[in-house]
Amino acid sequence: MERYERINLLHRRLSQARVPVSLQRLIEDLQCSRATVYRDVAFLRDYLGAPVETSDDPPGFRYDMAEAERFELPGLWLSPDELHALLATHQLLDRSGTGGFLGDALEPIRERIDQLLAEQAGGKRWPVERVRVISSGTRSLDQAAFRAAAGAVLQRRRLSFRYRARSTGATTQRTVSPQRLTHYRNNWYLDAFDHERQALRSFSLDRIDQARPFDEAAIDVPEAELDQHLASSYGIFSGPPKAWATVVFSADAARWAAEERWHSQQQGRFLPDGRYELRLPYSSSRELLMDVLRYGPDATVVEPVSLRAEAQIRLRLALGNYGG
């Protein structure tokens, strides 16, 4: 066990103890020798200022009861595994398309993490480039729009912006009460209550510009209502579910389809012949069919009839592009 981990664990044991913790118990918990326990206790008391008291019979240690609640370890105390996880998270942010917006704010934290790791590793550099993040389908974001939306969400303020619909290309002015930011398939969305339409909507952040927050407080929509409207059906622009889709995957694709999380309410089962049957709620068919049709001949829409017919039309149109 690394020294940082031992000191952190020692602090937790002593701060939680109501009676002295025996020397033998500390040797076992810290997985170290008797001499190491004494050195760590001395470091905790003399260097970090912990209110450590010594017990002679039996030999052990505890915190002074009057000071225990007020004492905390100074600075940032994390284990090597926790630091490695933070570095990996930083790489994820940096390479997933978000780092450009959050990088400046997070850079001091990364520098501090690098410093702590270097101290633990005797100056050795950690090869963070070996944490590989590959983004796919990430859209360009306007930095000002992202920050305005994030600020309005967290500060609970209304937001005005110009929105360019992807499907029609039309531009409209919106005034909304932001509810939450959603990161979905490598892209950011703003879930909000649209005051003009008096309804909940999801806005793709890459289609927002001229965002301007107001001083007026945002309306808070209950979390359960947000989930019912925005997360109860398949896809990002879901809305309340209109029907349940049944899709059957071939035996060759069954393992892949079964291990994917399609929806929080999905129902799946393996059929006797090795195929996999998936049922899930949906409102808009477009995104669902895009994901089903990527399996090609290994996926078949069974129900409802309207969704099956739409899948057939899309496949015929696609085949027509090849002169078939």
C-alpha atoms as a PDB file:
ATOM      1  CA  MET A   1       0.000   0.000   0.000  1.00  0.00           C
ATOM      2  CA  GLU A   2       1.335   3.453  -0.958  1.00  0.00           C
ATOM      3  CA  ARG A   3       2.093   5.963   1.790  1.00  0.00           C
ATOM      4  CA  TYR A   4      -0.640   8.346   0.612  1.00  0.00           C
ATOM      5  CA  GLU A   5      -3.155   5.523   0.885  1.00  0.00           C
ATOM      6  CA  ARG A   6      -1.897   4.554   4.345  1.00  0.00           C
ATOM      7  CA  ILE A   7      -2.114   8.113   5.686  1.00  0.00           C
ATOM      8  CA  ASN A   8      -5.605   8.526   4.273  1.00  0.00           C
ATOM      9  CA  LEU A   9      -6.740   5.205   5.764  1.00  0.00           C
ATOM     10  CA  LEU A  10      -5.037   5.957   9.086  1.00  0.00           C
ATOM     11  CA  HIS A  11      -6.848   9.293   9.276  1.00  0.00           C
ATOM     12  CA  ARG A  12     -10.208   7.626   8.615  1.00  0.00           C
ATOM     13  CA  ARG A  13      -9.616   4.936  11.238  1.00  0.00           C
ATOM     14  CA  LEU A  14      -8.601   7.408  13.942  1.00  0.00           C
ATOM     15  CA  SER A  15     -11.300   9.961  13.148  1.00  0.00           C
ATOM     16  CA  GLN A  16     -14.044   7.313  13.343  1.00  0.00           C
ATOM     17  CA  ALA A  17     -12.751   5.579  16.487  1.00  0.00           C
ATOM     18  CA  ARG A  18     -14.385   6.209  19.863  1.00  0.00           C
ATOM     19  CA  VAL A  19     -11.766   4.134  21.678  1.00  0.00           C
ATOM     20  CA  PRO A  20      -8.038   3.811  20.919  1.00  0.00           C
ATOM     21  CA  VAL A  21      -7.254   1.725  17.827  1.00  0.00           C
ATOM     22  CA  SER A  22      -4.761  -0.970  18.744  1.00  0.00           C
ATOM     23  CA  LEU A  23      -1.325  -1.086  17.167  1.00  0.00           C
ATOM     24  CA  GLN A  24      -1.983  -4.615  15.908  1.00  0.00           C
ATOM     25  CA  ARG A  25      -5.215  -3.537  14.204  1.00  0.00           C
ATOM     26  CA  LEU A  26      -3.390  -0.706  12.435  1.00  0.00           C
ATOM     27  CA  ILE A  27      -0.628  -3.075  11.295  1.00  0.00           C
ATOM     28  CA  GLU A  28      -3.279  -5.307   9.730  1.00  0.00           C
ATOM     29  CA  ASP A  29      -5.357  -2.482   8.206  1.00  0.00           C
ATOM     30  CA  LEU A  30      -2.382  -0.594   6.786  1.00  0.00           C
ATOM     31  CA  GLN A  31      -0.609  -3.788   5.665  1.00  0.00           C
ATOM     32  CA  CYS A  32       2.733  -2.613   6.985  1.00  0.00           C
ATOM     33  CA  SER A  33       5.237  -3.186   9.783  1.00  0.00           C
ATOM     34  CA  ARG A  34       5.130  -1.901  13.358  1.00  0.00           C
ATOM     35  CA  ALA A  35       7.857   0.649  12.582  1.00  0.00           C
ATOM     36  CA  THR A  36       5.942   1.952   9.552  1.00  0.00           C
ATOM     37  CA  VAL A  37       2.831   2.506  11.664  1.00  0.00           C
ATOM     38  CA  TYR A  38       4.846   4.604  14.129  1.00  0.00           C
ATOM     39  CA  ARG A  39       6.391   6.603  11.271  1.00  0.00           C
ATOM     40  CA  ASP A  40       2.986   7.246   9.690  1.00  0.00           C
ATOM     41  CA  VAL A  41       1.476   8.282  13.028  1.00  0.00           C
ATOM     42  CA  ALA A  42       4.392  10.657  13.620  1.00  0.00           C
ATOM     43  CA  PHE A  43       3.942  12.142  10.121  1.00  0.00           C
ATOM     44  CA  LEU A  44       0.217  12.572  10.707  1.00  0.00           C
ATOM     45  CA  ARG A  45       0.776  14.241  14.084  1.00  0.00           C
ATOM     46  CA  ASP A  46       3.933  16.288  13.562  1.00  0.00           C
ATOM     47  CA  TYR A  47       3.732  17.270   9.875  1.00  0.00           C
ATOM     48  CA  LEU A  48      -0.031  17.417   9.255  1.00  0.00           C
ATOM     49  CA  GLY A  49      -1.025  18.627  12.724  1.00  0.00           C
ATOM     50  CA  ALA A  50      -3.461  15.820  13.524  1.00  0.00           C
ATOM     51  CA  PRO A  51      -4.662  15.661  17.170  1.00  0.00           C
ATOM     52  CA  VAL A  52      -3.239  12.163  17.748  1.00  0.00           C
ATOM     53  CA  GLU A  53      -3.256  10.745  21.280  1.00  0.00           C
ATOM     54  CA  THR A  54      -1.279   7.684  22.352  1.00  0.00           C
ATOM     55  CA  SER A  55      -2.598   4.858  24.488  1.00  0.00           C
ATOM     56  CA  ASP A  56      -0.161   2.684  26.457  1.00  0.00           C
ATOM     57  CA  ASP A  57      -2.427  -0.113  27.650  1.00  0.00           C
ATOM     58  CA  PRO A  58      -3.091  -1.546  25.178  1.00  0.00           C
ATOM     59  CA  PRO A  59      -0.704   0.178  22.750  1.00  0.00           C
ATOM     60  CA  GLY A  60      -2.752   2.204  20.284  1.00  0.00           C
ATOM     61  CA  PHE A  61      -3.826   5.603  19.003  1.00  0.00           C
ATOM     62  CA  ARG A  62      -6.884   7.833  18.749  1.00  0.00           C
ATOM     63  CA  TYR A  63      -7.812  11.439  17.989  1.00  0.00           C
ATOM     64  CA  ASP A  64      -8.497  13.889  20.775  1.00  0.00           C
ATOM     65  CA  MET A  65     -12.302  13.905  21.057  1.00  0.00           C
ATOM     66  CA  ALA A  66     -12.548  17.708  21.227  1.00  0.00           C
ATOM     67  CA  GLU A  67     -10.441  18.209  18.081  1.00  0.00           C
ATOM     68  CA  ALA A  68     -11.394  15.191  15.964  1.00  0.00           C
ATOM     69  CA  GLU A  69     -14.444  16.755  14.277  1.00  0.00           C
ATOM     70  CA  ARG A  70     -12.551  19.917  13.316  1.00  0.00           C
ATOM     71  CA  PHE A  71      -9.462  18.265  11.837  1.00  0.00           C
ATOM     72  CA  GLU A  72      -9.250  17.405   8.145  1.00  0.00           C
ATOM     73  CA  LEU A  73      -6.299  16.343   6.040  1.00  0.00           C
ATOM     74  CA  PRO A  74      -4.878  19.414   4.279  1.00  0.00           C
ATOM     75  CA  GLY A  75      -4.849  19.621   0.496  1.00  0.00           C
ATOM     76  CA  LEU A  76      -6.013  16.945  -1.943  1.00  0.00           C
ATOM     77  CA  TRP A  77      -5.554  13.392  -0.665  1.00  0.00           C
ATOM     78  CA  LEU A  78      -6.251  10.742  -3.247  1.00  0.00           C
ATOM     79  CA  SER A  79      -4.972   7.244  -3.815  1.00  0.00           C
ATOM     80  CA  PRO A  80      -2.919   6.465  -6.963  1.00  0.00           C
ATOM     81  CA  ASP A  81      -5.902   4.604  -8.441  1.00  0.00           C
ATOM     82  CA  GLU A  82      -8.138   7.635  -7.840  1.00  0.00           C
ATOM     83  CA  LEU A  83      -5.574   9.939  -9.425  1.00  0.00           C
ATOM     84  CA  HIS A  84      -5.220   7.644 -12.430  1.00  0.00           C
ATOM     85  CA  ALA A  85      -9.009   7.633 -12.815  1.00  0.00           C
ATOM     86  CA  LEU A  86      -9.073  11.440 -12.706  1.00  0.00           C
ATOM     87  CA  LEU A  87      -6.372  11.639 -15.354  1.00  0.00           C
ATOM     88  CA  ALA A  88      -8.311   9.221 -17.554  1.00  0.00           C
ATOM     89  CA  THR A  89     -11.429  11.357 -17.068  1.00  0.00           C
ATOM     90  CA  HIS A  90      -9.466  14.442 -18.064  1.00  0.00           C
ATOM     91  CA  GLN A  91      -8.331  12.676 -21.236  1.00  0.00           C
ATOM     92  CA  LEU A  92     -11.934  11.730 -21.960  1.00  0.00           C
ATOM     93  CA  LEU A  93     -13.036  15.358 -21.653  1.00  0.00           C
ATOM     94  CA  ASP A  94     -10.055  16.603 -23.615  1.00  0.00           C
ATOM     95  CA  ARG A  95     -10.576  14.250 -26.573  1.00  0.00           C
ATOM     96  CA  SER A  96     -14.364  13.934 -26.682  1.00  0.00           C
ATOM     97  CA  GLY A  97     -15.014  17.401 -28.035  1.00  0.00           C
ATOM     98  CA  THR A  98     -15.709  19.021 -24.651  1.00  0.00           C
ATOM     99  CA  GLY A  99     -12.162  19.803 -23.621  1.00  0.00           C
ATOM    100  CA  GLY A 100     -12.052  22.969 -25.673  1.00  0.00           C
ATOM    101  CA  PHE A 101     -14.751  24.470 -23.497  1.00  0.00           C
ATOM    102  CA  LEU A 102     -13.798  23.076 -20.119  1.00  0.00           C
ATOM    103  CA  GLY A 103     -10.050  22.721 -20.637  1.00  0.00           C
ATOM    104  CA  ASP A 104      -9.088  26.171 -19.388  1.00  0.00           C
ATOM    105  CA  ALA A 105     -11.075  25.734 -16.190  1.00  0.00           C
ATOM    106  CA  LEU A 106      -9.812  22.189 -15.589  1.00  0.00           C
ATOM    107  CA  GLU A 107      -6.150  22.764 -16.461  1.00  0.00           C
ATOM    108  CA  PRO A 108      -5.137  23.841 -12.905  1.00  0.00           C
ATOM    109  CA  ILE A 109      -6.735  20.633 -11.581  1.00  0.00           C
ATOM    110  CA  ARG A 110      -4.822  18.544 -14.111  1.00  0.00           C
ATOM    111  CA  GLU A 111      -1.564  20.254 -13.173  1.00  0.00           C
ATOM    112  CA  ARG A 112      -2.248  19.507  -9.510  1.00  0.00           C
ATOM    113  CA  ILE A 113      -3.011  15.861 -10.300  1.00  0.00           C
ATOM    114  CA  ASP A 114       0.200  15.593 -12.342  1.00  0.00           C
ATOM    115  CA  GLN A 115       2.114  17.054  -9.398  1.00  0.00           C
ATOM    116  CA  LEU A 116       0.595  14.600  -6.915  1.00  0.00           C
ATOM    117  CA  LEU A 117       1.320  11.635  -9.178  1.00  0.00           C
ATOM    118  CA  ALA A 118       4.897  12.811  -9.676  1.00  0.00           C
ATOM    119  CA  GLU A 119       5.373  13.048  -5.918  1.00  0.00           C
ATOM    120  CA  GLN A 120       4.098   9.502  -5.479  1.00  0.00           C
ATOM    121  CA  ALA A 121       6.175   8.152  -8.360  1.00  0.00           C
ATOM    122  CA  GLY A 122       9.422   9.885  -7.479  1.00  0.00           C
ATOM    123  CA  GLY A 123       9.228  12.279 -10.414  1.00  0.00           C
ATOM    124  CA  LYS A 124       8.338   9.683 -13.029  1.00  0.00           C
ATOM    125  CA  ARG A 125       6.000  10.889 -15.793  1.00  0.00           C
ATOM    126  CA  TRP A 126       2.725   9.040 -16.260  1.00  0.00           C
ATOM    127  CA  PRO A 127       1.990   8.231 -19.950  1.00  0.00           C
ATOM    128  CA  VAL A 128      -1.534   9.683 -20.126  1.00  0.00           C
ATOM    129  CA  GLU A 129      -1.439   9.439 -23.923  1.00  0.00           C
ATOM    130  CA  ARG A 130      -1.987   5.702 -23.462  1.00  0.00           C
ATOM    131  CA  VAL A 131      -5.578   6.479 -22.487  1.00  0.00           C
ATOM    132  CA  ARG A 132      -7.117   6.569 -25.953  1.00  0.00           C
ATOM    133  CA  VAL A 133     -10.470   8.230 -26.684  1.00  0.00           C
ATOM    134  CA  ILE A 134     -11.898   8.069 -30.205  1.00  0.00           C
ATOM    135  CA  SER A 135     -14.849  10.360 -30.898  1.00  0.00           C
ATOM    136  CA  SER A 136     -17.280   9.672 -33.712  1.00  0.00           C
ATOM    137  CA  GLY A 137     -19.939  11.962 -35.104  1.00  0.00           C
ATOM    138  CA  THR A 138     -18.992  14.884 -32.852  1.00  0.00           C
ATOM    139  CA  ARG A 139     -20.441  18.171 -34.097  1.00  0.00           C
ATOM    140  CA  SER A 140     -18.828  21.587 -33.879  1.00  0.00           C
ATOM    141  CA  LEU A 141     -19.968  23.635 -30.889  1.00  0.00           C
ATOM    142  CA  ASP A 142     -19.970  27.375 -30.378  1.00  0.00           C
ATOM    143  CA  GLN A 143     -17.994  28.042 -27.199  1.00  0.00           C
ATOM    144  CA  ALA A 144     -20.123  31.041 -26.185  1.00  0.00           C
ATOM    145  CA  ALA A 145     -23.364  29.097 -26.683  1.00  0.00           C
ATOM    146  CA  PHE A 146     -22.127  26.151 -24.620  1.00  0.00           C
ATOM    147  CA  ARG A 147     -21.036  28.357 -21.735  1.00  0.00           C
ATOM    148  CA  ALA A 148     -24.218  30.408 -21.813  1.00  0.00           C
ATOM    149  CA  ALA A 149     -26.364  27.260 -21.756  1.00  0.00           C
ATOM    150  CA  ALA A 150     -24.325  25.628 -18.996  1.00  0.00           C
ATOM    151  CA  GLY A 151     -24.384  28.807 -16.919  1.00  0.00           C
ATOM    152  CA  ALA A 152     -28.138  29.207 -17.324  1.00  0.00           C
ATOM    153  CA  VAL A 153     -28.745  25.580 -16.320  1.00  0.00           C
ATOM    154  CA  LEU A 154     -26.611  25.794 -13.180  1.00  0.00           C
ATOM    155  CA  GLN A 155     -27.633  29.333 -12.169  1.00  0.00           C
ATOM    156  CA  ARG A 156     -31.328  28.583 -12.881  1.00  0.00           C
ATOM    157  CA  ARG A 157     -31.827  31.551 -15.201  1.00  0.00           C
ATOM    158  CA  ARG A 158     -33.902  31.875 -18.361  1.00  0.00           C
ATOM    159  CA  LEU A 159     -32.131  31.803 -21.706  1.00  0.00           C
ATOM    160  CA  SER A 160     -32.853  33.383 -25.078  1.00  0.00           C
ATOM    161  CA  PHE A 161     -31.235  32.145 -28.294  1.00  0.00           C
ATOM    162  CA  ARG A 162     -31.625  31.747 -32.026  1.00  0.00           C
ATOM    163  CA  TYR A 163     -32.218  28.128 -33.082  1.00  0.00           C
ATOM    164  CA  ARG A 164     -31.613  26.640 -36.545  1.00  0.00           C
ATOM    165  CA  ALA A 165     -33.678  23.492 -37.031  1.00  0.00           C
ATOM    166  CA  ARG A 166     -31.649  20.722 -38.649  1.00  0.00           C
ATOM    167  CA  SER A 167     -34.602  19.098 -40.397  1.00  0.00           C
ATOM    168  CA  THR A 168     -35.981  22.233 -42.115  1.00  0.00           C
ATOM    169  CA  GLY A 169     -33.177  24.793 -41.888  1.00  0.00           C
ATOM    170  CA  ALA A 170     -35.669  27.310 -40.454  1.00  0.00           C
ATOM    171  CA  THR A 171     -34.423  29.773 -37.825  1.00  0.00           C
ATOM    172  CA  THR A 172     -36.559  30.763 -34.843  1.00  0.00           C
ATOM    173  CA  GLN A 173     -36.043  32.825 -31.709  1.00  0.00           C
ATOM    174  CA  ARG A 174     -36.575  30.881 -28.482  1.00  0.00           C
ATOM    175  CA  THR A 175     -36.924  31.873 -24.837  1.00  0.00           C
ATOM    176  CA  VAL A 176     -36.628  28.920 -22.485  1.00  0.00           C
ATOM    177  CA  SER A 177     -36.213  27.822 -18.902  1.00  0.00           C
ATOM    178  CA  PRO A 178     -33.181  25.484 -19.077  1.00  0.00           C
ATOM    179  CA  GLN A 179     -33.634  22.235 -17.162  1.00  0.00           C
ATOM    180  CA  ARG A 180     -30.479  20.210 -17.803  1.00  0.00           C
ATOM    181  CA  LEU A 181     -27.616  19.538 -20.202  1.00  0.00           C
ATOM    182  CA  THR A 182     -27.549  16.103 -21.817  1.00  0.00           C
ATOM    183  CA  HIS A 183     -24.510  14.478 -23.442  1.00  0.00           C
ATOM    184  CA  TYR A 184     -25.759  11.896 -25.910  1.00  0.00           C
ATOM    185  CA  ARG A 185     -23.727  10.051 -28.528  1.00  0.00           C
ATOM    186  CA  ASN A 186     -20.799  12.471 -28.374  1.00  0.00           C
ATOM    187  CA  ASN A 187     -22.991  15.566 -28.678  1.00  0.00           C
ATOM    188  CA  TRP A 188     -24.596  18.040 -26.264  1.00  0.00           C
ATOM    189  CA  TYR A 189     -28.283  18.891 -25.943  1.00  0.00           C
ATOM    190  CA  LEU A 190     -30.225  21.379 -23.837  1.00  0.00           C
ATOM    191  CA  ASP A 191     -33.432  20.100 -22.257  1.00  0.00           C
ATOM    192  CA  ALA A 192     -35.631  23.111 -21.606  1.00  0.00           C
ATOM    193  CA  PHE A 193     -39.171  24.414 -21.118  1.00  0.00           C
ATOM    194  CA  ASP A 194     -40.052  26.490 -24.186  1.00  0.00           C
ATOM    195  CA  HIS A 195     -42.130  29.480 -23.046  1.00  0.00           C
ATOM    196  CA  GLU A 196     -43.513  30.242 -26.519  1.00  0.00           C
ATOM    197  CA  ARG A 197     -44.765  26.697 -27.067  1.00  0.00           C
ATOM    198  CA  GLN A 198     -45.482  25.981 -23.394  1.00  0.00           C
ATOM    199  CA  ALA A 199     -43.844  22.581 -23.697  1.00  0.00           C
ATOM    200  CA  LEU A 200     -40.622  20.699 -22.997  1.00  0.00           C
ATOM    201  CA  ARG A 201     -38.119  20.540 -25.831  1.00  0.00           C
ATOM    202  CA  SER A 202     -34.580  19.257 -26.466  1.00  0.00           C
ATOM    203  CA  PHE A 203     -32.275  21.567 -28.423  1.00  0.00           C
ATOM    204  CA  SER A 204     -29.055  20.444 -30.097  1.00  0.00           C
ATOM    205  CA  LEU A 205     -26.396  22.838 -28.793  1.00  0.00           C
ATOM    206  CA  ASP A 206     -24.563  22.956 -32.094  1.00  0.00           C
ATOM    207  CA  ARG A 207     -27.695  24.593 -33.616  1.00  0.00           C
ATOM    208  CA  ILE A 208     -27.837  27.373 -30.995  1.00  0.00           C
ATOM    209  CA  ASP A 209     -26.288  30.808 -31.428  1.00  0.00           C
ATOM    210  CA  GLN A 210     -26.670  34.310 -29.987  1.00  0.00           C
ATOM    211  CA  ALA A 211     -27.456  32.776 -26.603  1.00  0.00           C
ATOM    212  CA  ARG A 212     -28.218  35.358 -23.934  1.00  0.00           C
ATOM    213  CA  PRO A 213     -29.154  34.582 -20.296  1.00  0.00           C
ATOM    214  CA  PHE A 214     -31.758  36.669 -18.443  1.00  0.00           C
ATOM    215  CA  ASP A 215     -31.859  37.689 -14.789  1.00  0.00           C
ATOM    216  CA  GLU A 216     -35.349  36.205 -14.582  1.00  0.00           C
ATOM    217  CA  ALA A 217     -35.450  32.902 -12.736  1.00  0.00           C
ATOM    218  CA  ALA A 218     -36.054  29.732 -14.722  1.00  0.00           C
ATOM    219  CA  ILE A 219     -39.115  27.590 -14.140  1.00  0.00           C
ATOM    220  CA  ASP A 220     -38.185  24.282 -12.514  1.00  0.00           C
ATOM    221  CA  VAL A 221     -39.853  21.217 -14.005  1.00  0.00           C
ATOM    222  CA  PRO A 222     -39.900  18.157 -11.688  1.00  0.00           C
ATOM    223  CA  GLU A 223     -37.326  15.510 -12.569  1.00  0.00           C
ATOM    224  CA  ALA A 224     -39.992  12.834 -12.941  1.00  0.00           C
ATOM    225  CA  GLU A 225     -41.840  14.968 -15.509  1.00  0.00           C
ATOM    226  CA  LEU A 226     -38.608  15.586 -17.437  1.00  0.00           C
ATOM    227  CA  ASP A 227     -37.894  11.865 -17.607  1.00  0.00           C
ATOM    228  CA  GLN A 228     -41.472  11.057 -18.571  1.00  0.00           C
ATOM    229  CA  HIS A 229     -41.397  13.495 -21.473  1.00  0.00           C
ATOM    230  CA  LEU A 230     -37.749  13.349 -22.584  1.00  0.00           C
ATOM    231  CA  ALA A 231     -36.476   9.897 -21.594  1.00  0.00           C
ATOM    232  CA  SER A 232     -39.463   7.569 -21.682  1.00  0.00           C
ATOM    233  CA  SER A 233     -39.088   6.752 -25.392  1.00  0.00           C
ATOM    234  CA  TYR A 234     -36.211   5.755 -27.628  1.00  0.00           C
ATOM    235  CA  GLY A 235     -33.731   8.412 -28.745  1.00  0.00           C
ATOM    236  CA  ILE A 236     -32.814  11.951 -27.826  1.00  0.00           C
ATOM    237  CA  PHE A 237     -35.932  13.670 -29.227  1.00  0.00           C
ATOM    238  CA  SER A 238     -38.233  11.064 -27.758  1.00  0.00           C
ATOM    239  CA  GLY A 239     -41.387  12.563 -26.275  1.00  0.00           C
ATOM    240  CA  PRO A 240     -44.000  10.380 -24.585  1.00  0.00           C
ATOM    241  CA  PRO A 241     -44.029   6.830 -26.046  1.00  0.00           C
ATOM    242  CA  LYS A 242     -46.620   6.119 -28.745  1.00  0.00           C
ATOM    243  CA  ALA A 243     -45.964   2.427 -29.194  1.00  0.00           C
ATOM    244  CA  TRP A 244     -43.637  -0.479 -28.401  1.00  0.00           C
ATOM    245  CA  ALA A 245     -41.350  -1.799 -31.100  1.00  0.00           C
ATOM    246  CA  THR A 246     -40.384  -5.459 -31.399  1.00  0.00           C
ATOM    247  CA  VAL A 247     -37.150  -6.225 -33.238  1.00  0.00           C
ATOM    248  CA  VAL A 248     -35.634  -9.689 -33.759  1.00  0.00           C
ATOM    249  CA  PHE A 249     -31.890 -10.086 -34.350  1.00  0.00           C
ATOM    250  CA  SER A 250     -30.310 -13.085 -36.037  1.00  0.00           C
ATOM    251  CA  ALA A 251     -28.318 -15.599 -34.016  1.00  0.00           C
ATOM    252  CA  ASP A 252     -25.104 -14.133 -35.449  1.00  0.00           C
ATOM    253  CA  ALA A 253     -25.944 -10.614 -34.173  1.00  0.00           C
ATOM    254  CA  ALA A 254     -27.782 -11.660 -31.016  1.00  0.00           C
ATOM    255  CA  ARG A 255     -24.843 -11.295 -28.617  1.00  0.00           C
ATOM    256  CA  TRP A 256     -24.039  -7.780 -29.838  1.00  0.00           C
ATOM    257  CA  ALA A 257     -27.645  -6.590 -29.699  1.00  0.00           C
ATOM    258  CA  ALA A 258     -28.274  -8.177 -26.294  1.00  0.00           C
ATOM    259  CA  GLU A 259     -25.267  -6.445 -24.736  1.00  0.00           C
ATOM    260  CA  GLU A 260     -26.253  -2.973 -25.965  1.00  0.00           C
ATOM    261  CA  ARG A 261     -28.308  -0.692 -23.765  1.00  0.00           C
ATOM    262  CA  TRP A 262     -31.013   0.540 -26.094  1.00  0.00           C
ATOM    263  CA  HIS A 263     -33.398   2.014 -23.515  1.00  0.00           C
ATOM    264  CA  SER A 264     -33.926   1.999 -19.751  1.00  0.00           C
ATOM    265  CA  GLN A 265     -37.232   0.123 -20.157  1.00  0.00           C
ATOM    266  CA  GLN A 266     -36.111  -2.332 -22.819  1.00  0.00           C
ATOM    267  CA  GLN A 267     -37.217  -5.957 -22.611  1.00  0.00           C
ATOM    268  CA  GLY A 268     -35.102  -8.628 -24.238  1.00  0.00           C
ATOM    269  CA  ARG A 269     -34.990 -12.405 -24.437  1.00  0.00           C
ATOM    270  CA  PHE A 270     -33.129 -15.069 -26.385  1.00  0.00           C
ATOM    271  CA  LEU A 271     -35.358 -17.219 -28.548  1.00  0.00           C
ATOM    272  CA  PRO A 272     -34.978 -21.036 -28.673  1.00  0.00           C
ATOM    273  CA  ASP A 273     -33.226 -20.864 -32.074  1.00  0.00           C
ATOM    274  CA  GLY A 274     -30.545 -18.448 -30.763  1.00  0.00           C
ATOM    275  CA  ARG A 275     -32.078 -15.245 -32.086  1.00  0.00           C
ATOM    276  CA  TYR A 276     -32.653 -12.259 -29.781  1.00  0.00           C
ATOM    277  CA  GLU A 277     -35.961 -10.451 -29.404  1.00  0.00           C
ATOM    278  CA  LEU A 278     -35.909  -6.844 -28.217  1.00  0.00           C
ATOM    279  CA  ARG A 279     -38.924  -4.739 -27.178  1.00  0.00           C
ATOM    280  CA  LEU A 280     -38.694  -1.032 -26.367  1.00  0.00           C
ATOM    281  CA  PRO A 281     -40.936   2.063 -26.323  1.00  0.00           C
ATOM    282  CA  TYR A 282     -40.575   4.745 -28.985  1.00  0.00           C
ATOM    283  CA  SER A 283     -42.209   7.958 -30.113  1.00  0.00           C
ATOM    284  CA  SER A 284     -40.277   9.028 -33.205  1.00  0.00           C
ATOM    285  CA  SER A 285     -39.365   6.192 -35.556  1.00  0.00           C
ATOM    286  CA  ARG A 286     -36.469   7.910 -37.357  1.00  0.00           C
ATOM    287  CA  GLU A 287     -33.655   7.358 -34.849  1.00  0.00           C
ATOM    288  CA  LEU A 288     -34.880   3.888 -33.906  1.00  0.00           C
ATOM    289  CA  LEU A 289     -34.910   2.723 -37.526  1.00  0.00           C
ATOM    290  CA  MET A 290     -31.457   4.219 -38.145  1.00  0.00           C
ATOM    291  CA  ASP A 291     -30.064   2.062 -35.341  1.00  0.00           C
ATOM    292  CA  VAL A 292     -31.967  -1.067 -36.326  1.00  0.00           C
ATOM    293  CA  LEU A 293     -31.091  -0.821 -40.020  1.00  0.00           C
ATOM    294  CA  ARG A 294     -27.379  -0.569 -39.309  1.00  0.00           C
ATOM    295  CA  TYR A 295     -27.608  -4.300 -38.545  1.00  0.00           C
ATOM    296  CA  GLY A 296     -28.682  -4.861 -42.168  1.00  0.00           C
ATOM    297  CA  PRO A 297     -30.053  -8.367 -42.775  1.00  0.00           C
ATOM    298  CA  ASP A 298     -29.392  -9.355 -39.151  1.00  0.00           C
ATOM    299  CA  ALA A 299     -32.327  -7.296 -37.806  1.00  0.00           C
ATOM    300  CA  THR A 300     -36.040  -7.561 -38.578  1.00  0.00           C
ATOM    301  CA  VAL A 301     -38.755  -5.187 -37.363  1.00  0.00           C
ATOM    302  CA  VAL A 302     -41.697  -7.354 -36.315  1.00  0.00           C
ATOM    303  CA  GLU A 303     -44.109  -4.907 -34.661  1.00  0.00           C
ATOM    304  CA  PRO A 304     -45.926  -2.632 -34.964  1.00  0.00           C
ATOM    305  CA  VAL A 305     -47.087  -3.002 -38.566  1.00  0.00           C
ATOM    306  CA  SER A 306     -46.599   0.712 -39.266  1.00  0.00           C
ATOM    307  CA  LEU A 307     -42.956   0.603 -38.139  1.00  0.00           C
ATOM    308  CA  ARG A 308     -42.330  -2.559 -40.161  1.00  0.00           C
ATOM    309  CA  ALA A 309     -43.830  -0.882 -43.243  1.00  0.00           C
ATOM    310  CA  GLU A 310     -41.645   2.199 -42.748  1.00  0.00           C
ATOM    311  CA  ALA A 311     -38.563  -0.011 -42.495  1.00  0.00           C
ATOM    312  CA  GLN A 312     -39.513  -1.720 -45.765  1.00  0.00           C
ATOM    313  CA  ILE A 313     -39.940   1.661 -47.504  1.00  0.00           C
ATOM    314  CA  ARG A 314     -36.552   2.876 -46.292  1.00  0.00           C
ATOM    315  CA  LEU A 315     -34.867  -0.319 -47.481  1.00  0.00           C
ATOM    316  CA  ARG A 316     -36.519  -0.085 -50.920  1.00  0.00           C
ATOM    317  CA  LEU A 317     -35.454   3.555 -51.281  1.00  0.00           C
ATOM    318  CA  ALA A 318     -31.905   2.651 -50.285  1.00  0.00           C
ATOM    319  CA  LEU A 319     -31.838  -0.192 -52.788  1.00  0.00           C
ATOM    320  CA  GLY A 320     -33.123   2.188 -55.447  1.00  0.00           C
ATOM    321  CA  ASN A 321     -29.972   4.263 -55.010  1.00  0.00           C
ATOM    322  CA  TYR A 322     -28.028   1.304 -56.364  1.00  0.00           C
ATOM    323  CA  GLY A 323     -30.273   0.724 -59.346  1.00  0.00           C
ATOM    324  CA  GLY A 324     -31.910  -2.343 -57.862  1.00  0.00           C
END
